[in-house]
């Protein structure tokens, strides 16, 4: 947002207190797919539908940067407190809103019982939901075969070759590891 527009934006103490109080209420609960939308709605409502002020507050919340000429000292103190406590949770809420269903981390632990090997696998999504499942060597190979097939679909999709080219180093590492296993 331009400096001139920020200088034109007028805040009052009541708006900031509503803003901060509502953020405390929102983040007292677990972050979910709807948290980011709730933040957007709260900001607009606290600003009495003043879109310029709402945009400034939203930008402050996401960037953690308070414009130099915005507000008086008391208001800047409130904004600094908001940034300190709510910028990172707001960024997380945005990521969950945009990519919550995507994988954040995959872990596996090898377990054996009576000379049989298996893996306890855990997939954690960006939104925090987890799936734990077990695989034996055969079902692990089945998963590998499935996802290699998906990579073939990427290759055929529009723009797919450039996606695979972007990840060539990773694909080469996987290829080399598989070659080593079949020796």
N, C-alpha and C. Protein backbone atom coordinates (compact mmCIF):
# COMPACT_ATOMS: atom_id res chain seq x y z
N UNK A 1 0.85 -1.16 0.00
CA UNK A 1 0.00 0.00 0.00
C UNK A 1 0.90 1.23 0.00
N UNK A 2 0.54 2.25 -0.73
CA UNK A 2 1.38 3.44 -0.84
C UNK A 2 1.38 4.22 0.45
N UNK A 3 2.46 4.97 0.67
CA UNK A 3 2.60 5.79 1.86
C UNK A 3 1.51 6.84 1.95
N UNK A 4 1.13 7.45 0.81
CA UNK A 4 0.09 8.48 0.82
C UNK A 4 -1.23 7.91 1.30
N UNK A 5 -1.56 6.70 0.86
CA UNK A 5 -2.82 6.09 1.28
C UNK A 5 -2.77 5.79 2.77
N UNK A 6 -1.62 5.32 3.27
CA UNK A 6 -1.49 5.01 4.69
C UNK A 6 -1.63 6.27 5.53
N UNK A 7 -1.12 7.40 5.02
CA UNK A 7 -1.23 8.64 5.76
C UNK A 7 -2.68 9.11 5.84
N UNK A 8 -3.50 8.78 4.84
CA UNK A 8 -4.90 9.18 4.82
C UNK A 8 -5.76 8.32 5.74
N UNK A 9 -5.30 7.12 6.05
CA UNK A 9 -6.07 6.20 6.88
C UNK A 9 -6.06 6.69 8.32
N UNK A 10 -7.25 6.78 8.89
CA UNK A 10 -7.39 7.25 10.27
C UNK A 10 -7.91 6.09 11.12
N UNK A 11 -7.22 5.86 12.22
CA UNK A 11 -7.63 4.81 13.14
C UNK A 11 -8.09 5.44 14.44
N UNK A 12 -8.98 4.76 15.12
CA UNK A 12 -9.32 5.21 16.47
C UNK A 12 -9.02 4.08 17.45
N UNK A 13 -8.94 4.43 18.72
CA UNK A 13 -8.56 3.46 19.74
C UNK A 13 -9.58 2.32 19.84
N UNK A 14 -10.86 2.64 19.68
CA UNK A 14 -11.90 1.61 19.77
C UNK A 14 -11.71 0.54 18.68
N UNK A 15 -11.41 0.98 17.46
CA UNK A 15 -11.19 0.04 16.35
C UNK A 15 -10.04 -0.91 16.68
N UNK A 16 -8.94 -0.34 17.19
CA UNK A 16 -7.78 -1.17 17.51
C UNK A 16 -8.06 -2.14 18.66
N UNK A 17 -8.82 -1.67 19.65
CA UNK A 17 -9.14 -2.56 20.77
C UNK A 17 -10.05 -3.70 20.31
N UNK A 18 -11.01 -3.41 19.43
CA UNK A 18 -11.85 -4.46 18.85
C UNK A 18 -11.01 -5.44 18.04
N UNK A 19 -10.11 -4.89 17.24
CA UNK A 19 -9.22 -5.68 16.40
C UNK A 19 -8.41 -6.65 17.26
N UNK A 20 -7.74 -6.12 18.27
CA UNK A 20 -6.90 -6.96 19.13
C UNK A 20 -7.73 -7.97 19.91
N UNK A 21 -8.85 -7.53 20.46
CA UNK A 21 -9.70 -8.43 21.24
C UNK A 21 -10.26 -9.58 20.41
N UNK A 22 -10.67 -9.27 19.19
CA UNK A 22 -11.20 -10.32 18.32
C UNK A 22 -10.11 -11.30 17.90
N UNK A 23 -8.89 -10.82 17.68
CA UNK A 23 -7.79 -11.73 17.35
C UNK A 23 -7.50 -12.67 18.52
N UNK A 24 -7.57 -12.13 19.74
CA UNK A 24 -7.38 -12.99 20.93
C UNK A 24 -8.45 -14.07 20.98
N UNK A 25 -9.69 -13.70 20.68
CA UNK A 25 -10.79 -14.66 20.69
C UNK A 25 -10.59 -15.72 19.61
N UNK A 26 -10.24 -15.28 18.40
CA UNK A 26 -10.05 -16.21 17.28
C UNK A 26 -8.95 -17.22 17.60
N UNK A 27 -7.82 -16.72 18.11
CA UNK A 27 -6.68 -17.61 18.33
C UNK A 27 -6.73 -18.34 19.67
N UNK A 28 -7.80 -18.12 20.45
CA UNK A 28 -8.00 -18.94 21.65
C UNK A 28 -8.47 -20.33 21.25
N UNK A 29 -8.97 -20.44 20.01
CA UNK A 29 -9.43 -21.72 19.47
C UNK A 29 -8.36 -22.29 18.55
N UNK A 30 -8.51 -23.56 18.23
CA UNK A 30 -7.59 -24.22 17.31
C UNK A 30 -7.72 -23.60 15.92
N UNK A 31 -6.59 -23.40 15.24
CA UNK A 31 -6.60 -22.87 13.88
C UNK A 31 -7.18 -23.92 12.95
N UNK A 32 -8.13 -23.51 12.11
CA UNK A 32 -8.77 -24.42 11.17
C UNK A 32 -8.81 -23.79 9.78
N UNK A 33 -9.44 -24.50 8.84
CA UNK A 33 -9.55 -23.99 7.47
C UNK A 33 -10.30 -22.66 7.42
N UNK A 34 -11.21 -22.41 8.35
CA UNK A 34 -12.01 -21.19 8.30
C UNK A 34 -11.41 -20.03 9.10
N UNK A 35 -10.34 -20.26 9.83
CA UNK A 35 -9.75 -19.21 10.66
C UNK A 35 -9.34 -17.99 9.85
N UNK A 36 -8.71 -18.20 8.71
CA UNK A 36 -8.23 -17.08 7.90
C UNK A 36 -9.41 -16.23 7.42
N UNK A 37 -10.48 -16.87 6.99
CA UNK A 37 -11.67 -16.13 6.56
C UNK A 37 -12.28 -15.36 7.73
N UNK A 38 -12.25 -15.96 8.90
CA UNK A 38 -12.77 -15.29 10.10
C UNK A 38 -11.95 -14.04 10.40
N UNK A 39 -10.63 -14.13 10.25
CA UNK A 39 -9.77 -12.96 10.46
C UNK A 39 -10.14 -11.85 9.48
N UNK A 40 -10.31 -12.20 8.22
CA UNK A 40 -10.69 -11.20 7.21
C UNK A 40 -12.01 -10.53 7.59
N UNK A 41 -13.00 -11.32 7.99
CA UNK A 41 -14.30 -10.77 8.35
C UNK A 41 -14.22 -9.87 9.58
N UNK A 42 -13.46 -10.30 10.58
CA UNK A 42 -13.32 -9.51 11.80
C UNK A 42 -12.67 -8.16 11.50
N UNK A 43 -11.63 -8.18 10.68
CA UNK A 43 -10.95 -6.92 10.35
C UNK A 43 -11.92 -5.96 9.67
N UNK A 44 -12.65 -6.44 8.69
CA UNK A 44 -13.60 -5.59 7.98
C UNK A 44 -14.69 -5.07 8.92
N UNK A 45 -15.19 -5.92 9.80
CA UNK A 45 -16.22 -5.48 10.75
C UNK A 45 -15.68 -4.49 11.78
N UNK A 46 -14.48 -4.71 12.27
CA UNK A 46 -13.88 -3.77 13.23
C UNK A 46 -13.68 -2.40 12.62
N UNK A 47 -13.45 -2.38 11.31
CA UNK A 47 -13.20 -1.12 10.60
C UNK A 47 -14.49 -0.51 10.05
N UNK A 48 -15.65 -1.03 10.47
CA UNK A 48 -16.94 -0.54 9.97
C UNK A 48 -16.99 -0.49 8.45
N UNK A 49 -16.49 -1.55 7.83
CA UNK A 49 -16.49 -1.71 6.36
C UNK A 49 -15.58 -0.70 5.64
N UNK A 50 -14.71 0.01 6.36
CA UNK A 50 -13.74 0.92 5.74
C UNK A 50 -12.63 0.06 5.13
N UNK A 51 -12.72 -0.15 3.82
CA UNK A 51 -11.80 -1.08 3.15
C UNK A 51 -10.36 -0.61 3.18
N UNK A 52 -10.13 0.70 3.12
CA UNK A 52 -8.75 1.21 3.17
C UNK A 52 -8.10 0.86 4.51
N UNK A 53 -8.81 1.14 5.60
CA UNK A 53 -8.28 0.82 6.93
C UNK A 53 -8.14 -0.70 7.09
N UNK A 54 -9.13 -1.44 6.62
CA UNK A 54 -9.07 -2.90 6.72
C UNK A 54 -7.85 -3.44 5.97
N UNK A 55 -7.58 -2.91 4.79
CA UNK A 55 -6.41 -3.35 4.02
C UNK A 55 -5.12 -3.05 4.75
N UNK A 56 -5.04 -1.87 5.37
CA UNK A 56 -3.83 -1.50 6.12
C UNK A 56 -3.64 -2.46 7.30
N UNK A 57 -4.69 -2.70 8.07
CA UNK A 57 -4.57 -3.60 9.23
C UNK A 57 -4.24 -5.03 8.80
N UNK A 58 -4.85 -5.46 7.71
CA UNK A 58 -4.58 -6.80 7.21
C UNK A 58 -3.12 -6.92 6.75
N UNK A 59 -2.63 -5.90 6.06
CA UNK A 59 -1.24 -5.91 5.61
C UNK A 59 -0.28 -5.90 6.79
N UNK A 60 -0.59 -5.12 7.81
CA UNK A 60 0.24 -5.10 9.03
C UNK A 60 0.28 -6.50 9.65
N UNK A 61 -0.88 -7.12 9.74
CA UNK A 61 -0.98 -8.44 10.36
C UNK A 61 -0.19 -9.49 9.59
N UNK A 62 -0.23 -9.44 8.26
CA UNK A 62 0.49 -10.44 7.45
C UNK A 62 1.98 -10.17 7.34
N UNK A 63 2.36 -8.89 7.22
CA UNK A 63 3.78 -8.57 7.01
C UNK A 63 4.54 -8.36 8.30
N UNK A 64 3.82 -7.98 9.35
CA UNK A 64 4.49 -7.66 10.61
C UNK A 64 5.14 -6.29 10.58
N UNK A 65 4.85 -5.50 9.56
CA UNK A 65 5.44 -4.16 9.40
C UNK A 65 4.39 -3.09 9.68
N UNK A 66 4.70 -2.18 10.57
CA UNK A 66 3.79 -1.08 10.89
C UNK A 66 4.29 0.16 10.16
N UNK A 67 3.46 0.76 9.31
CA UNK A 67 3.88 1.97 8.59
C UNK A 67 4.27 3.07 9.57
N UNK A 68 5.33 3.77 9.23
CA UNK A 68 5.92 4.78 10.11
C UNK A 68 4.94 5.87 10.53
N UNK A 69 4.13 6.35 9.60
CA UNK A 69 3.27 7.51 9.87
C UNK A 69 1.86 7.12 10.28
N UNK A 70 1.67 5.89 10.71
CA UNK A 70 0.32 5.42 11.03
C UNK A 70 0.07 5.48 12.53
N UNK A 71 -0.94 6.20 12.95
CA UNK A 71 -1.39 6.21 14.33
C UNK A 71 -0.51 6.99 15.28
N UNK A 72 -1.03 7.16 16.51
CA UNK A 72 -0.26 7.82 17.56
C UNK A 72 0.55 6.77 18.33
N UNK A 73 1.28 7.20 19.33
CA UNK A 73 2.16 6.27 20.07
C UNK A 73 1.37 5.15 20.75
N UNK A 74 0.24 5.48 21.35
CA UNK A 74 -0.58 4.46 22.02
C UNK A 74 -1.07 3.43 20.99
N UNK A 75 -1.51 3.90 19.84
CA UNK A 75 -1.98 3.00 18.79
C UNK A 75 -0.84 2.15 18.24
N UNK A 76 0.33 2.74 18.11
CA UNK A 76 1.48 1.96 17.64
C UNK A 76 1.85 0.87 18.64
N UNK A 77 1.71 1.16 19.93
CA UNK A 77 1.98 0.14 20.95
C UNK A 77 1.01 -1.04 20.80
N UNK A 78 -0.26 -0.73 20.56
CA UNK A 78 -1.26 -1.79 20.36
C UNK A 78 -0.91 -2.59 19.11
N UNK A 79 -0.57 -1.89 18.02
CA UNK A 79 -0.22 -2.57 16.77
C UNK A 79 1.02 -3.44 16.94
N UNK A 80 2.01 -2.95 17.69
CA UNK A 80 3.21 -3.76 17.94
C UNK A 80 2.86 -5.02 18.71
N UNK A 81 1.93 -4.90 19.66
CA UNK A 81 1.48 -6.06 20.42
C UNK A 81 0.75 -7.04 19.51
N UNK A 82 -0.08 -6.51 18.61
CA UNK A 82 -0.80 -7.36 17.65
C UNK A 82 0.20 -8.10 16.76
N UNK A 83 1.18 -7.37 16.25
CA UNK A 83 2.20 -8.00 15.39
C UNK A 83 2.95 -9.08 16.15
N UNK A 84 3.36 -8.77 17.37
CA UNK A 84 4.14 -9.71 18.17
C UNK A 84 3.36 -11.01 18.46
N UNK A 85 2.07 -10.89 18.73
CA UNK A 85 1.29 -12.06 19.13
C UNK A 85 0.52 -12.74 18.00
N UNK A 86 0.23 -12.01 16.92
CA UNK A 86 -0.70 -12.58 15.94
C UNK A 86 -0.21 -12.67 14.50
N UNK A 87 0.96 -12.14 14.18
CA UNK A 87 1.43 -12.23 12.79
C UNK A 87 1.73 -13.68 12.41
N UNK A 88 2.49 -14.38 13.20
CA UNK A 88 2.83 -15.77 12.86
C UNK A 88 1.58 -16.66 12.86
N UNK A 89 0.70 -16.59 13.86
CA UNK A 89 -0.52 -17.40 13.77
C UNK A 89 -1.39 -17.05 12.55
N UNK A 90 -1.41 -15.78 12.15
CA UNK A 90 -2.19 -15.39 10.97
C UNK A 90 -1.57 -15.97 9.71
N UNK A 91 -0.25 -15.95 9.62
CA UNK A 91 0.41 -16.56 8.46
C UNK A 91 0.12 -18.06 8.40
N UNK A 92 0.13 -18.70 9.55
CA UNK A 92 -0.20 -20.12 9.61
C UNK A 92 -1.65 -20.35 9.17
N UNK A 93 -2.56 -19.51 9.65
CA UNK A 93 -3.97 -19.62 9.26
C UNK A 93 -4.12 -19.47 7.75
N UNK A 94 -3.35 -18.56 7.17
CA UNK A 94 -3.40 -18.35 5.71
C UNK A 94 -2.90 -19.60 4.98
N UNK A 95 -1.80 -20.16 5.47
CA UNK A 95 -1.25 -21.37 4.84
C UNK A 95 -2.23 -22.54 4.94
N UNK A 96 -2.87 -22.68 6.09
CA UNK A 96 -3.85 -23.75 6.26
C UNK A 96 -5.04 -23.52 5.34
N UNK A 97 -5.48 -22.28 5.21
CA UNK A 97 -6.60 -21.95 4.32
C UNK A 97 -6.26 -22.30 2.87
N UNK A 98 -5.03 -21.97 2.45
CA UNK A 98 -4.64 -22.15 1.05
C UNK A 98 -4.17 -23.57 0.74
N UNK A 99 -3.48 -24.23 1.71
CA UNK A 99 -2.83 -25.51 1.42
C UNK A 99 -3.05 -26.56 2.51
N UNK A 100 -4.10 -26.43 3.28
CA UNK A 100 -4.31 -27.30 4.44
C UNK A 100 -4.30 -28.78 4.15
N UNK A 101 -4.79 -29.18 2.99
CA UNK A 101 -4.87 -30.61 2.66
C UNK A 101 -3.55 -31.20 2.20
N UNK A 102 -2.56 -30.36 1.94
CA UNK A 102 -1.28 -30.85 1.43
C UNK A 102 -0.43 -31.44 2.56
N UNK A 103 0.49 -32.32 2.18
CA UNK A 103 1.36 -33.00 3.14
C UNK A 103 2.42 -32.03 3.68
N UNK A 104 2.57 -32.05 4.98
CA UNK A 104 3.60 -31.27 5.64
C UNK A 104 4.83 -32.14 5.93
N UNK A 105 4.58 -33.35 6.43
CA UNK A 105 5.69 -34.24 6.77
C UNK A 105 5.23 -35.70 6.70
N UNK A 106 6.16 -36.57 6.35
CA UNK A 106 5.91 -38.01 6.34
C UNK A 106 7.01 -38.66 7.17
N UNK A 107 6.61 -39.52 8.09
CA UNK A 107 7.60 -40.26 8.88
C UNK A 107 7.26 -41.74 8.83
N UNK A 108 8.27 -42.57 9.01
CA UNK A 108 8.09 -44.02 9.05
C UNK A 108 9.03 -44.61 10.09
N UNK A 109 8.54 -45.58 10.82
CA UNK A 109 9.36 -46.33 11.76
C UNK A 109 9.28 -47.80 11.39
N UNK A 110 10.45 -48.44 11.30
CA UNK A 110 10.49 -49.87 11.01
C UNK A 110 10.19 -50.64 12.30
N UNK A 111 9.35 -51.64 12.17
CA UNK A 111 9.04 -52.53 13.29
C UNK A 111 9.13 -53.96 12.78
N UNK A 112 9.47 -54.87 13.67
CA UNK A 112 9.51 -56.28 13.26
C UNK A 112 8.92 -57.13 14.37
N UNK A 113 8.29 -58.20 13.92
CA UNK A 113 7.72 -59.15 14.86
C UNK A 113 7.82 -60.52 14.23
N UNK A 114 8.47 -61.42 14.93
CA UNK A 114 8.66 -62.79 14.43
C UNK A 114 9.28 -62.77 13.03
N UNK A 115 10.34 -62.04 12.87
CA UNK A 115 11.09 -61.95 11.61
C UNK A 115 10.30 -61.35 10.45
N UNK A 116 9.23 -60.66 10.73
CA UNK A 116 8.47 -59.97 9.68
C UNK A 116 8.68 -58.47 9.86
N UNK A 117 9.02 -57.82 8.76
CA UNK A 117 9.28 -56.39 8.78
C UNK A 117 8.04 -55.62 8.34
N UNK A 118 7.79 -54.53 9.03
CA UNK A 118 6.69 -53.63 8.65
C UNK A 118 7.10 -52.21 9.00
N UNK A 119 6.33 -51.26 8.52
CA UNK A 119 6.59 -49.85 8.79
C UNK A 119 5.32 -49.22 9.35
N UNK A 120 5.50 -48.43 10.40
CA UNK A 120 4.41 -47.60 10.91
C UNK A 120 4.64 -46.22 10.29
N UNK A 121 3.73 -45.80 9.44
CA UNK A 121 3.86 -44.57 8.67
C UNK A 121 2.90 -43.51 9.21
N UNK A 122 3.36 -42.28 9.22
CA UNK A 122 2.50 -41.18 9.65
C UNK A 122 2.61 -40.06 8.62
N UNK A 123 1.48 -39.61 8.13
CA UNK A 123 1.43 -38.46 7.23
C UNK A 123 0.71 -37.35 7.99
N UNK A 124 1.36 -36.21 8.09
CA UNK A 124 0.75 -35.05 8.74
C UNK A 124 0.52 -33.98 7.69
N UNK A 125 -0.71 -33.50 7.63
CA UNK A 125 -1.05 -32.45 6.68
C UNK A 125 -0.70 -31.08 7.25
N UNK A 126 -0.69 -30.08 6.41
CA UNK A 126 -0.40 -28.72 6.86
C UNK A 126 -1.42 -28.27 7.90
N UNK A 127 -2.67 -28.72 7.77
CA UNK A 127 -3.69 -28.32 8.75
C UNK A 127 -3.59 -29.10 10.06
N UNK A 128 -2.60 -29.98 10.18
CA UNK A 128 -2.36 -30.70 11.42
C UNK A 128 -3.02 -32.06 11.52
N UNK A 129 -3.91 -32.39 10.61
CA UNK A 129 -4.54 -33.71 10.65
C UNK A 129 -3.51 -34.77 10.31
N UNK A 130 -3.61 -35.91 10.98
CA UNK A 130 -2.64 -36.98 10.79
C UNK A 130 -3.32 -38.28 10.38
N UNK A 131 -2.60 -39.03 9.59
CA UNK A 131 -3.03 -40.37 9.19
C UNK A 131 -1.88 -41.31 9.53
N UNK A 132 -2.15 -42.31 10.34
CA UNK A 132 -1.16 -43.33 10.67
C UNK A 132 -1.63 -44.65 10.06
N UNK A 133 -0.70 -45.33 9.39
CA UNK A 133 -1.04 -46.61 8.77
C UNK A 133 0.21 -47.47 8.71
N UNK A 134 0.00 -48.77 8.56
CA UNK A 134 1.12 -49.70 8.49
C UNK A 134 1.26 -50.24 7.08
N UNK A 135 2.51 -50.50 6.72
CA UNK A 135 2.79 -51.16 5.45
C UNK A 135 3.83 -52.25 5.69
N UNK A 136 3.72 -53.30 4.90
CA UNK A 136 4.76 -54.33 4.86
C UNK A 136 5.55 -54.06 3.58
N UNK A 137 6.60 -54.84 3.29
CA UNK A 137 7.36 -54.57 2.06
C UNK A 137 6.50 -54.57 0.80
N UNK A 138 5.54 -55.49 0.71
CA UNK A 138 4.70 -55.56 -0.49
C UNK A 138 3.83 -54.32 -0.65
N UNK A 139 3.20 -53.88 0.43
CA UNK A 139 2.34 -52.70 0.31
C UNK A 139 3.16 -51.42 0.16
N UNK A 140 4.40 -51.42 0.67
CA UNK A 140 5.28 -50.28 0.43
C UNK A 140 5.61 -50.18 -1.06
N UNK A 141 5.91 -51.32 -1.68
CA UNK A 141 6.17 -51.34 -3.13
C UNK A 141 4.93 -50.92 -3.91
N UNK A 142 3.77 -51.32 -3.43
CA UNK A 142 2.51 -50.93 -4.08
C UNK A 142 2.36 -49.40 -4.07
N UNK A 143 2.67 -48.78 -2.94
CA UNK A 143 2.61 -47.31 -2.85
C UNK A 143 3.61 -46.65 -3.81
N UNK A 144 4.82 -47.19 -3.85
CA UNK A 144 5.84 -46.64 -4.76
C UNK A 144 5.35 -46.75 -6.19
N UNK A 145 4.84 -47.91 -6.56
CA UNK A 145 4.35 -48.11 -7.93
C UNK A 145 3.21 -47.14 -8.24
N UNK A 146 2.33 -46.94 -7.30
CA UNK A 146 1.22 -46.01 -7.50
C UNK A 146 1.72 -44.59 -7.77
N UNK A 147 2.64 -44.11 -6.94
CA UNK A 147 3.11 -42.73 -7.09
C UNK A 147 4.02 -42.54 -8.30
N UNK A 148 4.75 -43.58 -8.70
CA UNK A 148 5.51 -43.49 -9.94
C UNK A 148 4.54 -43.35 -11.11
N UNK A 149 3.42 -44.06 -11.06
CA UNK A 149 2.39 -43.90 -12.08
C UNK A 149 1.84 -42.48 -12.11
N UNK A 150 1.67 -41.88 -10.95
CA UNK A 150 1.21 -40.48 -10.89
C UNK A 150 2.22 -39.54 -11.51
N UNK A 151 3.50 -39.83 -11.33
CA UNK A 151 4.54 -39.00 -11.95
C UNK A 151 4.43 -39.08 -13.47
N UNK A 152 4.08 -40.26 -13.99
CA UNK A 152 3.85 -40.40 -15.42
C UNK A 152 2.69 -39.54 -15.90
N UNK A 153 1.66 -39.40 -15.06
CA UNK A 153 0.53 -38.53 -15.40
C UNK A 153 0.95 -37.07 -15.42
N UNK A 154 1.85 -36.70 -14.52
CA UNK A 154 2.36 -35.33 -14.51
C UNK A 154 3.07 -35.04 -15.83
N UNK A 155 3.87 -36.00 -16.28
CA UNK A 155 4.62 -35.83 -17.52
C UNK A 155 3.68 -35.55 -18.70
N UNK A 156 2.52 -36.19 -18.72
CA UNK A 156 1.58 -36.03 -19.84
C UNK A 156 0.72 -34.77 -19.72
N UNK A 157 0.64 -34.20 -18.54
CA UNK A 157 -0.22 -33.03 -18.32
C UNK A 157 0.40 -31.77 -18.94
N UNK A 158 -0.44 -30.80 -19.28
CA UNK A 158 0.10 -29.53 -19.80
C UNK A 158 1.06 -28.90 -18.77
N UNK A 159 2.24 -28.58 -19.22
CA UNK A 159 3.26 -28.00 -18.34
C UNK A 159 3.95 -29.02 -17.46
N UNK A 160 3.59 -30.28 -17.63
CA UNK A 160 4.14 -31.33 -16.77
C UNK A 160 5.63 -31.55 -16.94
N UNK A 161 6.10 -31.47 -18.17
CA UNK A 161 7.54 -31.69 -18.41
C UNK A 161 8.37 -30.65 -17.66
N UNK A 162 7.90 -29.41 -17.63
CA UNK A 162 8.66 -28.38 -16.92
C UNK A 162 8.64 -28.63 -15.41
N UNK A 163 7.53 -29.18 -14.91
CA UNK A 163 7.47 -29.53 -13.48
C UNK A 163 8.50 -30.62 -13.17
N UNK A 164 8.56 -31.64 -14.02
CA UNK A 164 9.52 -32.72 -13.80
C UNK A 164 10.95 -32.23 -13.96
N UNK A 165 11.18 -31.33 -14.91
CA UNK A 165 12.52 -30.76 -15.08
C UNK A 165 12.94 -30.01 -13.83
N UNK A 166 12.01 -29.29 -13.24
CA UNK A 166 12.28 -28.54 -12.01
C UNK A 166 12.73 -29.48 -10.88
N UNK A 167 12.22 -30.70 -10.89
CA UNK A 167 12.53 -31.66 -9.82
C UNK A 167 13.46 -32.78 -10.29
N UNK A 168 14.21 -32.51 -11.33
CA UNK A 168 15.08 -33.53 -11.92
C UNK A 168 16.09 -34.09 -10.92
N UNK A 169 16.65 -33.24 -10.09
CA UNK A 169 17.65 -33.70 -9.12
C UNK A 169 17.04 -34.71 -8.14
N UNK A 170 15.86 -34.42 -7.65
CA UNK A 170 15.18 -35.34 -6.73
C UNK A 170 14.83 -36.64 -7.43
N UNK A 171 14.32 -36.54 -8.65
CA UNK A 171 13.99 -37.75 -9.42
C UNK A 171 15.23 -38.60 -9.69
N UNK A 172 16.34 -37.95 -9.97
CA UNK A 172 17.59 -38.68 -10.21
C UNK A 172 18.04 -39.40 -8.94
N UNK A 173 17.92 -38.75 -7.80
CA UNK A 173 18.28 -39.38 -6.53
C UNK A 173 17.42 -40.62 -6.28
N UNK A 174 16.12 -40.49 -6.52
CA UNK A 174 15.21 -41.64 -6.35
C UNK A 174 15.62 -42.76 -7.30
N UNK A 175 15.89 -42.43 -8.54
CA UNK A 175 16.30 -43.41 -9.55
C UNK A 175 17.56 -44.15 -9.10
N UNK A 176 18.55 -43.41 -8.62
CA UNK A 176 19.81 -44.03 -8.18
C UNK A 176 19.58 -44.94 -6.98
N UNK A 177 18.72 -44.54 -6.06
CA UNK A 177 18.44 -45.38 -4.89
C UNK A 177 17.74 -46.67 -5.30
N UNK A 178 16.81 -46.56 -6.25
CA UNK A 178 16.12 -47.76 -6.74
C UNK A 178 17.08 -48.68 -7.49
N UNK A 179 17.98 -48.10 -8.29
CA UNK A 179 18.98 -48.91 -9.01
C UNK A 179 19.83 -49.68 -8.01
N UNK A 180 20.21 -49.03 -6.93
CA UNK A 180 21.03 -49.67 -5.90
C UNK A 180 20.27 -50.84 -5.25
N UNK A 181 18.97 -50.69 -5.06
CA UNK A 181 18.18 -51.74 -4.41
C UNK A 181 18.02 -52.98 -5.27
N UNK A 182 18.04 -52.84 -6.58
CA UNK A 182 17.83 -54.01 -7.45
C UNK A 182 19.12 -54.70 -7.85
N UNK A 183 20.25 -54.24 -7.36
CA UNK A 183 21.54 -54.90 -7.65
C UNK A 183 21.61 -56.25 -7.02
